[in-house]
Protein backbone atom coordinates (compact mmCIF):
# COMPACT_ATOMS: atom_id res chain seq x y z
CA UNK A 1 0.23 -0.07 0.41
CA UNK A 2 1.30 3.55 -0.81
CA UNK A 3 0.08 6.57 1.28
CA UNK A 4 0.69 9.87 1.12
CA UNK A 5 -0.06 13.23 2.73
CA UNK A 6 -1.27 16.28 0.39
CA UNK A 7 -0.85 19.67 0.99
CA UNK A 8 -2.71 22.37 -1.09
CA UNK A 9 -1.83 26.25 -0.92
CA UNK A 10 -2.65 29.08 -2.58
CA UNK A 11 -0.26 32.04 -3.62
CA UNK A 12 0.27 34.73 -5.66
CA UNK A 13 2.94 35.47 -7.79
CA UNK A 14 4.49 36.97 -11.21
CA UNK A 15 6.20 35.61 -14.15
CA UNK A 16 6.72 35.56 -17.91
CA UNK A 17 8.12 33.79 -21.09
CA UNK A 18 10.13 36.01 -22.75
CA UNK A 19 9.55 34.14 -26.12
CA UNK A 20 6.44 33.57 -25.65
CA UNK A 21 5.80 35.92 -29.41
CA UNK A 22 8.42 34.28 -31.32
CA UNK A 23 7.55 31.04 -30.31
CA UNK A 24 3.64 31.02 -30.23
CA UNK A 25 2.75 34.91 -31.54
CA UNK A 26 -1.29 34.34 -30.65
CA UNK A 27 0.11 34.40 -26.62
CA UNK A 28 2.18 36.31 -27.13
CA UNK A 29 1.36 38.77 -24.51
CA UNK A 30 2.63 36.21 -21.96
CA UNK A 31 6.00 37.69 -23.26
CA UNK A 32 5.03 39.94 -20.39
CA UNK A 33 5.32 40.18 -16.60
CA UNK A 34 1.67 39.01 -15.43
CA UNK A 35 -0.17 37.70 -11.95
CA UNK A 36 -1.43 34.95 -11.20
CA UNK A 37 -2.99 32.97 -8.18
CA UNK A 38 -1.15 29.45 -8.11
CA UNK A 39 -2.37 26.83 -6.96
CA UNK A 40 -0.63 23.83 -6.01
CA UNK A 41 -0.33 20.34 -4.70
CA UNK A 42 1.71 18.35 -3.51
CA UNK A 43 1.90 14.77 -2.53
CA UNK A 44 4.77 12.91 -0.16
CA UNK A 45 4.74 9.54 0.84
CA UNK A 46 4.40 8.17 4.47
CA UNK A 47 5.41 4.98 6.15
CA UNK A 48 3.09 4.96 9.16
CA UNK A 49 0.00 6.37 9.63
CA UNK A 50 0.27 8.61 12.80
CA UNK A 51 1.53 11.62 11.70
CA UNK A 52 5.19 10.85 9.48
CA UNK A 53 4.83 13.71 8.00
CA UNK A 54 1.84 16.77 9.12
CA UNK A 55 0.31 17.99 6.53
CA UNK A 56 -0.09 21.32 7.84
CA UNK A 57 3.60 21.84 8.72
CA UNK A 58 4.44 20.62 5.52
CA UNK A 59 2.01 23.01 3.51
CA UNK A 60 3.36 26.04 5.59
CA UNK A 61 6.92 24.49 4.70
CA UNK A 62 6.40 24.96 1.27
CA UNK A 63 4.92 28.17 1.47
CA UNK A 64 8.05 29.53 3.40
CA UNK A 65 10.71 27.70 0.71
CA UNK A 66 8.62 29.49 -1.86
CA UNK A 67 8.67 32.91 -0.27
CA UNK A 68 12.49 32.52 1.04
CA UNK A 69 13.53 32.23 -2.42
CA UNK A 70 11.22 34.37 -4.41
CA UNK A 71 9.36 36.92 -2.50
CA UNK A 72 9.70 40.52 -4.16
CA UNK A 73 9.66 43.07 -1.07
CA UNK A 74 9.67 45.96 -3.68
CA UNK A 75 6.55 44.22 -5.20
CA UNK A 76 5.01 42.65 -2.51
CA UNK A 77 3.96 38.72 -4.34
CA UNK A 78 6.22 35.92 -5.54
CA UNK A 79 8.10 36.60 -8.53
CA UNK A 80 9.14 33.64 -10.21
CA UNK A 81 10.51 35.21 -13.34
CA UNK A 82 10.46 32.88 -16.11
CA UNK A 83 9.51 29.91 -14.67
CA UNK A 84 6.98 27.79 -15.75
CA UNK A 85 4.19 25.35 -13.78
CA UNK A 86 6.18 22.45 -15.09
CA UNK A 87 9.34 24.16 -13.64
CA UNK A 88 8.52 25.13 -10.44
CA UNK A 89 5.99 21.41 -9.97
CA UNK A 90 9.41 19.95 -10.56
CA UNK A 91 11.83 21.67 -8.40
CA UNK A 92 9.09 21.75 -5.36
CA UNK A 93 8.89 17.48 -5.84
CA UNK A 94 12.66 17.62 -6.07
CA UNK A 95 13.07 20.12 -3.29
CA UNK A 96 10.59 18.42 -0.92
CA UNK A 97 10.78 14.55 -1.90
CA UNK A 98 7.34 14.23 -3.45
CA UNK A 99 6.00 12.16 -5.47
CA UNK A 100 3.31 14.18 -7.36
CA UNK A 101 3.19 17.81 -7.75
CA UNK A 102 0.69 19.99 -9.67
CA UNK A 103 0.54 23.70 -10.20
CA UNK A 104 -1.94 25.89 -11.68
CA UNK A 105 -2.13 29.42 -13.17
CA UNK A 106 -5.90 30.96 -11.82
CA UNK A 107 -6.87 26.83 -11.15
CA UNK A 108 -7.41 26.85 -14.70
CA UNK A 109 -4.30 25.50 -16.60
CA UNK A 110 -1.14 24.10 -15.40
CA UNK A 111 0.74 20.94 -15.13
CA UNK A 112 1.77 17.53 -13.07
CA UNK A 113 4.67 16.25 -12.45
CA UNK A 114 4.62 12.63 -11.11
CA UNK A 115 8.40 11.57 -9.47
């Protein structure tokens, strides 16, 4: 049996895709810095059924990690630069030894990473 704890968090942040106009002109506007509400779901394996990983703490740890790494005090939000949903999901999966991470922009479009 495989058991996972799951943390779901929402954060505000900015990013851009500088090459958007060259690669996909239809969405060339994505080359500009723009804001999203990022919806993140992370699953981490546990090996016993009594708080091996406490999921509230797990979610807070992800939030703290993202804040320490990407928070921009002047913009008062996270600035992910040119990171995509796929890149951010992969980073979180690696940093927290997750088996699954999804990152959605505005809870509409996104990516899933299975490890």
